[in-house]
C-alpha atoms as a PDB file:
ATOM      1  CA  MET A   1      15.099  33.249  17.608  1.00  0.00           C
ATOM      2  CA  TYR A   2      12.021  32.086  18.748  1.00  0.00           C
ATOM      3  CA  GLY A   3      11.628  30.970  22.077  1.00  0.00           C
ATOM      4  CA  VAL A   4       8.310  29.120  21.822  1.00  0.00           C
ATOM      5  CA  GLY A   5       7.560  25.667  23.507  1.00  0.00           C
ATOM      6  CA  VAL A   6       4.954  23.616  22.406  1.00  0.00           C
ATOM      7  CA  GLY A   7       2.815  20.131  23.378  1.00  0.00           C
ATOM      8  CA  GLY A   8       0.420  17.449  22.577  1.00  0.00           C
ATOM      9  CA  GLY A   9      -1.166  16.793  19.437  1.00  0.00           C
ATOM     10  CA  GLY A  10      -0.130  14.245  16.867  1.00  0.00           C
ATOM     11  CA  GLY A  11       0.483  12.999  13.479  1.00  0.00           C
ATOM     12  CA  ASN A  12       3.015  13.506  11.190  1.00  0.00           C
ATOM     13  CA  TYR A  13       4.424  16.841   9.325  1.00  0.00           C
ATOM     14  CA  ASP A  14       3.772  16.747   5.477  1.00  0.00           C
ATOM     15  CA  GLY A  15       6.597  19.152   4.979  1.00  0.00           C
ATOM     16  CA  GLY A  16       4.022  21.678   3.610  1.00  0.00           C
ATOM     17  CA  GLY A  17       2.632  23.058   6.478  1.00  0.00           C
ATOM     18  CA  GLY A  18      -0.886  22.012   6.015  1.00  0.00           C
ATOM     19  CA  ASN A  19      -0.311  19.491   8.324  1.00  0.00           C
ATOM     20  CA  ALA A  20       1.976  21.854  10.332  1.00  0.00           C
ATOM     21  CA  SER A  21       0.213  21.662  14.064  1.00  0.00           C
ATOM     22  CA  SER A  22       1.604  17.786  13.856  1.00  0.00           C
ATOM     23  CA  LEU A  23       5.112  19.182  14.102  1.00  0.00           C
ATOM     24  CA  PHE A  24       4.182  19.830  18.060  1.00  0.00           C
ATOM     25  CA  GLY A  25       2.999  16.337  18.564  1.00  0.00           C
ATOM     26  CA  GLY A  26       3.749  13.029  19.465  1.00  0.00           C
ATOM     27  CA  GLY A  27       6.841  12.299  21.995  1.00  0.00           C
ATOM     28  CA  GLY A  28       8.934  10.733  19.415  1.00  0.00           C
ATOM     29  CA  PHE A  29       9.954  14.117  17.839  1.00  0.00           C
ATOM     30  CA  MET A  30      12.140  11.754  15.658  1.00  0.00           C
ATOM     31  CA  PRO A  31      12.395  11.945  11.728  1.00  0.00           C
ATOM     32  CA  SER A  32      11.219   8.921   9.720  1.00  0.00           C
ATOM     33  CA  GLN A  33      13.615   7.573   6.993  1.00  0.00           C
ATOM     34  CA  ALA A  34      12.078  10.608   4.807  1.00  0.00           C
ATOM     35  CA  THR A  35      13.251  13.181   6.997  1.00  0.00           C
ATOM     36  CA  ASN A  36      16.847  14.899   6.018  1.00  0.00           C
ATOM     37  CA  ALA A  37      19.079  13.402   8.644  1.00  0.00           C
ATOM     38  CA  ALA A  38      21.255  15.760  10.825  1.00  0.00           C
ATOM     39  CA  GLU A  39      24.881  15.783  10.289  1.00  0.00           C
ATOM     40  CA  GLY A  40      26.645  13.217  12.044  1.00  0.00           C
ATOM     41  CA  THR A  41      23.376  10.609  11.811  1.00  0.00           C
ATOM     42  CA  SER A  42      22.080   7.971  10.186  1.00  0.00           C
ATOM     43  CA  GLY A  43      19.364   8.260   7.593  1.00  0.00           C
ATOM     44  CA  GLY A  44      16.848   7.697  10.540  1.00  0.00           C
ATOM     45  CA  GLY A  45      17.911  10.552  12.789  1.00  0.00           C
ATOM     46  CA  PHE A  46      20.036   8.253  14.935  1.00  0.00           C
ATOM     47  CA  PRO A  47      23.615   8.916  15.820  1.00  0.00           C
ATOM     48  CA  LYS A  48      26.069   6.405  13.600  1.00  0.00           C
ATOM     49  CA  SER A  49      27.427   5.013  16.930  1.00  0.00           C
ATOM     50  CA  ARG A  50      24.588   4.847  19.288  1.00  0.00           C
ATOM     51  CA  ASN A  51      24.510   2.842  22.626  1.00  0.00           C
ATOM     52  CA  ALA A  52      21.287   0.619  22.774  1.00  0.00           C
ATOM     53  CA  GLN A  53      20.953   1.681  26.585  1.00  0.00           C
ATOM     54  CA  ALA A  54      21.468   5.508  25.570  1.00  0.00           C
ATOM     55  CA  LEU A  55      17.902   7.142  26.005  1.00  0.00           C
ATOM     56  CA  LEU A  56      15.830   7.595  22.587  1.00  0.00           C
ATOM     57  CA  PRO A  57      13.202   9.982  22.245  1.00  0.00           C
ATOM     58  CA  LEU A  58      10.571   8.207  20.154  1.00  0.00           C
ATOM     59  CA  THR A  59       6.770   8.018  19.399  1.00  0.00           C
ATOM     60  CA  VAL A  60       4.166   5.639  20.061  1.00  0.00           C
ATOM     61  CA  LYS A  61       4.306   4.284  16.538  1.00  0.00           C
ATOM     62  CA  GLN A  62       7.611   3.832  16.308  1.00  0.00           C
ATOM     63  CA  ILE A  63       7.549   1.867  19.102  1.00  0.00           C
ATOM     64  CA  MET A  64       4.686  -0.791  17.852  1.00  0.00           C
ATOM     65  CA  ASP A  65       6.411  -0.798  14.391  1.00  0.00           C
ATOM     66  CA  ALA A  66      10.097  -1.768  15.926  1.00  0.00           C
ATOM     67  CA  SER A  67      10.909  -4.881  14.553  1.00  0.00           C
ATOM     68  CA  GLN A  68      11.941  -7.633  17.111  1.00  0.00           C
ATOM     69  CA  THR A  69      15.548  -8.398  17.143  1.00  0.00           C
ATOM     70  CA  ASN A  70      16.104 -12.059  18.612  1.00  0.00           C
ATOM     71  CA  ASP A  71      14.292 -15.037  19.025  1.00  0.00           C
ATOM     72  CA  ASP A  72      13.239 -14.540  22.392  1.00  0.00           C
ATOM     73  CA  LYS A  73      11.567 -11.032  21.360  1.00  0.00           C
ATOM     74  CA  SER A  74      13.101  -9.108  23.971  1.00  0.00           C
ATOM     75  CA  ASN A  75      14.951  -6.744  22.056  1.00  0.00           C
ATOM     76  CA  PHE A  76      13.495  -4.287  19.752  1.00  0.00           C
ATOM     77  CA  ALA A  77      15.087  -2.389  16.958  1.00  0.00           C
ATOM     78  CA  VAL A  78      13.961   1.052  15.078  1.00  0.00           C
ATOM     79  CA  ASN A  79      15.093   1.969  11.658  1.00  0.00           C
ATOM     80  CA  GLY A  80      17.927  -0.493  12.093  1.00  0.00           C
ATOM     81  CA  MET A  81      18.980   0.404  15.227  1.00  0.00           C
ATOM     82  CA  GLU A  82      18.776  -1.757  18.508  1.00  0.00           C
ATOM     83  CA  VAL A  83      16.343   0.271  21.381  1.00  0.00           C
ATOM     84  CA  SER A  84      15.827  -0.735  25.026  1.00  0.00           C
ATOM     85  CA  THR A  85      15.664   3.150  27.005  1.00  0.00           C
ATOM     86  CA  VAL A  86      13.114   5.424  25.508  1.00  0.00           C
ATOM     87  CA  ARG A  87      11.808   8.671  26.235  1.00  0.00           C
ATOM     88  CA  LEU A  88       8.198   9.387  25.419  1.00  0.00           C
ATOM     89  CA  VAL A  89       5.530  12.375  25.429  1.00  0.00           C
ATOM     90  CA  GLY A  90       1.810  12.098  25.540  1.00  0.00           C
ATOM     91  CA  ARG A  91      -1.345  12.686  27.339  1.00  0.00           C
ATOM     92  CA  MET A  92      -2.095  10.072  30.431  1.00  0.00           C
ATOM     93  CA  LEU A  93      -5.187   8.067  30.294  1.00  0.00           C
ATOM     94  CA  ASN A  94      -6.830   5.583  32.375  1.00  0.00           C
ATOM     95  CA  LYS A  95      -4.498   6.079  35.171  1.00  0.00           C
ATOM     96  CA  LEU A  96      -5.131   2.892  38.312  1.00  0.00           C
ATOM     97  CA  ASP A  97      -3.287   3.171  41.269  1.00  0.00           C
ATOM     98  CA  ARG A  98      -2.292   0.346  43.374  1.00  0.00           C
ATOM     99  CA  VAL A  99      -0.469  -0.514  46.386  1.00  0.00           C
ATOM    100  CA  THR A 100       2.973  -0.676  44.677  1.00  0.00           C
ATOM    101  CA  ASP A 101       2.763   0.780  41.120  1.00  0.00           C
ATOM    102  CA  VAL A 102       0.816   2.738  39.005  1.00  0.00           C
ATOM    103  CA  SER A 103      -0.469   1.977  35.683  1.00  0.00           C
ATOM    104  CA  PHE A 104      -1.600   4.048  32.890  1.00  0.00           C
ATOM    105  CA  THR A 105      -2.136   4.449  28.762  1.00  0.00           C
ATOM    106  CA  LEU A 106       0.066   6.944  26.841  1.00  0.00           C
ATOM    107  CA  ASP A 107      -1.341   8.456  23.991  1.00  0.00           C
ATOM    108  CA  ASP A 108       0.763  10.657  22.168  1.00  0.00           C
ATOM    109  CA  GLY A 109      -1.299  11.250  18.803  1.00  0.00           C
ATOM    110  CA  THR A 110       0.031   8.708  16.795  1.00  0.00           C
ATOM    111  CA  GLY A 111      -0.705   5.860  19.093  1.00  0.00           C
ATOM    112  CA  ARG A 112      -1.269   4.600  22.494  1.00  0.00           C
ATOM    113  CA  VAL A 113       1.128   2.343  25.069  1.00  0.00           C
ATOM    114  CA  PRO A 114       0.644   0.899  28.542  1.00  0.00           C
ATOM    115  CA  VAL A 115       3.002   2.468  30.712  1.00  0.00           C
ATOM    116  CA  ASN A 116       3.628   0.977  34.463  1.00  0.00           C
ATOM    117  CA  ARG A 117       5.629   2.730  36.779  1.00  0.00           C
ATOM    118  CA  TRP A 118       6.679   0.900  40.108  1.00  0.00           C
ATOM    119  CA  GLU A 119       6.863   3.042  43.389  1.00  0.00           C
ATOM    120  CA  ASN A 120       9.730   1.977  45.257  1.00  0.00           C
ATOM    121  CA  ASP A 121       9.751   4.971  47.487  1.00  0.00           C
ATOM    122  CA  SER A 122       8.016   7.607  48.927  1.00  0.00           C
ATOM    123  CA  THR A 123       9.436  10.129  46.110  1.00  0.00           C
ATOM    124  CA  ASP A 124       7.934   7.436  43.267  1.00  0.00           C
ATOM    125  CA  THR A 125       4.921   7.980  45.416  1.00  0.00           C
ATOM    126  CA  LYS A 126       4.395  11.452  45.121  1.00  0.00           C
ATOM    127  CA  GLU A 127       5.696  12.143  41.740  1.00  0.00           C
ATOM    128  CA  MET A 128       2.885   9.749  40.493  1.00  0.00           C
ATOM    129  CA  ALA A 129       0.232  11.612  43.096  1.00  0.00           C
ATOM    130  CA  ASP A 130       1.140  14.680  41.139  1.00  0.00           C
ATOM    131  CA  ILE A 131       0.061  13.752  37.709  1.00  0.00           C
ATOM    132  CA  GLN A 132      -3.491  13.296  36.870  1.00  0.00           C
ATOM    133  CA  ASN A 133      -5.683  11.884  33.937  1.00  0.00           C
ATOM    134  CA  GLY A 134      -5.186  14.430  30.941  1.00  0.00           C
ATOM    135  CA  ASP A 135      -1.922  15.689  32.089  1.00  0.00           C
ATOM    136  CA  TYR A 136       0.620  15.927  29.515  1.00  0.00           C
ATOM    137  CA  VAL A 137       3.677  13.616  30.679  1.00  0.00           C
ATOM    138  CA  ILE A 138       6.934  13.244  29.938  1.00  0.00           C
ATOM    139  CA  VAL A 139       8.044   9.189  30.319  1.00  0.00           C
ATOM    140  CA  ASN A 140      11.316   7.841  30.229  1.00  0.00           C
ATOM    141  CA  GLY A 141      11.700   3.935  30.841  1.00  0.00           C
ATOM    142  CA  GLY A 142      12.280   0.764  29.555  1.00  0.00           C
ATOM    143  CA  LEU A 143      10.841  -0.753  26.531  1.00  0.00           C
ATOM    144  CA  LYS A 144       9.599  -4.504  27.042  1.00  0.00           C
ATOM    145  CA  GLY A 145       7.707  -7.188  25.304  1.00  0.00           C
ATOM    146  CA  PHE A 146       5.104  -9.200  27.138  1.00  0.00           C
ATOM    147  CA  GLN A 147       2.641 -12.173  25.976  1.00  0.00           C
ATOM    148  CA  GLY A 148       3.383 -10.375  22.421  1.00  0.00           C
ATOM    149  CA  LYS A 149       2.122  -7.106  23.797  1.00  0.00           C
ATOM    150  CA  ARG A 150       4.744  -3.777  24.082  1.00  0.00           C
ATOM    151  CA  GLN A 151       4.866  -1.530  26.972  1.00  0.00           C
ATOM    152  CA  VAL A 152       6.889   0.551  28.743  1.00  0.00           C
ATOM    153  CA  VAL A 153       8.188   0.139  32.319  1.00  0.00           C
ATOM    154  CA  ALA A 154       8.878   3.758  33.602  1.00  0.00           C
ATOM    155  CA  TYR A 155      11.801   4.961  35.975  1.00  0.00           C
ATOM    156  CA  SER A 156      10.460   8.352  35.721  1.00  0.00           C
ATOM    157  CA  VAL A 157       7.344  10.135  34.612  1.00  0.00           C
ATOM    158  CA  ARG A 158       7.046  14.136  35.183  1.00  0.00           C
ATOM    159  CA  ASN A 159       4.642  16.429  33.981  1.00  0.00           C
ATOM    160  CA  ASP A 160       4.967  18.263  30.605  1.00  0.00           C
ATOM    161  CA  ASP A 161       4.035  22.122  31.374  1.00  0.00           C
ATOM    162  CA  HIS A 162       5.956  23.626  28.802  1.00  0.00           C
ATOM    163  CA  GLY A 163       5.761  21.937  26.003  1.00  0.00           C
ATOM    164  CA  VAL A 164       8.600  21.321  23.423  1.00  0.00           C
ATOM    165  CA  GLY A 165      11.003  24.208  22.118  1.00  0.00           C
ATOM    166  CA  VAL A 166      10.980  25.253  19.026  1.00  0.00           C
ATOM    167  CA  ASP A 167      14.855  24.926  18.466  1.00  0.00           C
ATOM    168  CA  TYR A 168      14.280  20.874  19.601  1.00  0.00           C
ATOM    169  CA  VAL A 169      11.936  20.764  17.043  1.00  0.00           C
ATOM    170  CA  SER A 170      14.251  22.909  14.479  1.00  0.00           C
ATOM    171  CA  ARG A 171      16.785  20.138  15.134  1.00  0.00           C
ATOM    172  CA  ARG A 172      14.980  16.925  15.066  1.00  0.00           C
ATOM    173  CA  LEU A 173      13.060  18.083  11.655  1.00  0.00           C
ATOM    174  CA  ASN A 174      15.911  19.925   9.969  1.00  0.00           C
ATOM    175  CA  LEU A 175      13.766  23.079   9.513  1.00  0.00           C
ATOM    176  CA  PRO A 176      14.933  26.912  10.010  1.00  0.00           C
ATOM    177  CA  GLU A 177      13.621  27.777  13.179  1.00  0.00           C
ATOM    178  CA  GLU A 178      11.934  30.831  11.438  1.00  0.00           C
ATOM    179  CA  THR A 179       9.889  28.691   9.453  1.00  0.00           C
ATOM    180  CA  VAL A 180       8.979  26.805  12.684  1.00  0.00           C
ATOM    181  CA  GLY A 181       8.015  30.111  14.336  1.00  0.00           C
ATOM    182  CA  LYS A 182       5.637  30.923  11.005  1.00  0.00           C
ATOM    183  CA  ILE A 183       4.004  27.610  11.557  1.00  0.00           C
ATOM    184  CA  ILE A 184       3.307  28.362  14.836  1.00  0.00           C
ATOM    185  CA  ILE A 185       1.674  31.699  14.211  1.00  0.00           C
ATOM    186  CA  ASP A 186      -0.478  30.153  11.196  1.00  0.00           C
ATOM    187  CA  GLN A 187      -1.487  27.210  13.425  1.00  0.00           C
ATOM    188  CA  VAL A 188      -2.783  29.919  16.541  1.00  0.00           C
ATOM    189  CA  ASP A 189      -4.998  31.382  13.705  1.00  0.00           C
ATOM    190  CA  LEU A 190      -6.265  28.186  12.556  1.00  0.00           C
ATOM    191  CA  GLY A 191      -7.292  27.439  16.147  1.00  0.00           C
ATOM    192  CA  HIS A 192      -4.923  24.012  16.398  1.00  0.00           C
ATOM    193  CA  LEU A 193      -2.224  25.685  19.064  1.00  0.00           C
ATOM    194  CA  TYR A 194      -3.055  27.694  22.205  1.00  0.00           C
ATOM    195  CA  ALA A 195      -0.806  29.802  24.089  1.00  0.00           C
ATOM    196  CA  THR A 196      -0.296  28.456  27.889  1.00  0.00           C
ATOM    197  CA  ILE A 197       2.283  29.982  30.312  1.00  0.00           C
ATOM    198  CA  ASP A 198       2.762  33.106  28.399  1.00  0.00           C
ATOM    199  CA  ASP A 199       3.201  33.951  24.623  1.00  0.00           C
ATOM    200  CA  HIS A 200       6.304  31.843  24.033  1.00  0.00           C
ATOM    201  CA  HIS A 201       4.589  28.342  25.426  1.00  0.00           C
ATOM    202  CA  TYR A 202       1.750  26.848  23.504  1.00  0.00           C
ATOM    203  CA  LYS A 203      -0.175  23.136  22.998  1.00  0.00           C
ATOM    204  CA  SER A 204      -2.139  21.545  20.164  1.00  0.00           C
ATOM    205  CA  THR A 205      -6.207  21.829  20.583  1.00  0.00           C
ATOM    206  CA  MET A 206      -6.024  18.457  18.942  1.00  0.00           C
ATOM    207  CA  ASN A 207      -6.166  16.102  22.508  1.00  0.00           C
ATOM    208  CA  GLY A 208      -8.514  18.685  24.497  1.00  0.00           C
END
């Protein structure tokens, strides 16, 4: 069993290994409708019975492509399932510190989305002070629409130091761990991935 972690990058896996480094990019890790669904999920990779408030890992592209489900444009749906609370993984850009909040742009390789994090206490302030432009971060928050634009109001932003585990990628893309591990080795040889803290954790070179 492989114990590799990966992060950064972007794009979609093409199924043939030629664009395999994109397996490890973006925050969504959520298969498209073309990907075989795991047992107990719908064609888009969602559980058949899923609460709209449940935290859902998505890519920025999926957020931007999400349909709006009512007249006031406040609710969103991905692959026909209502979505309100999301998890994204990407690179922090254009960080702006203000007195009561921090805003930044999140780039996950599939697109960019504005993020706002309110600082309600000293814990929130320290959380955001420890993260700088160029860092890979995990964002949990609510998907919102304002003046025709989409943004994420974050309630948690933390460093993604170790990347994503191979077992997670394997489950999401319905691929054997051995296949994912071989792809990692191939992509290191091609210069698309590099080791971080040890030989079991990797990140993409695609976003610098």
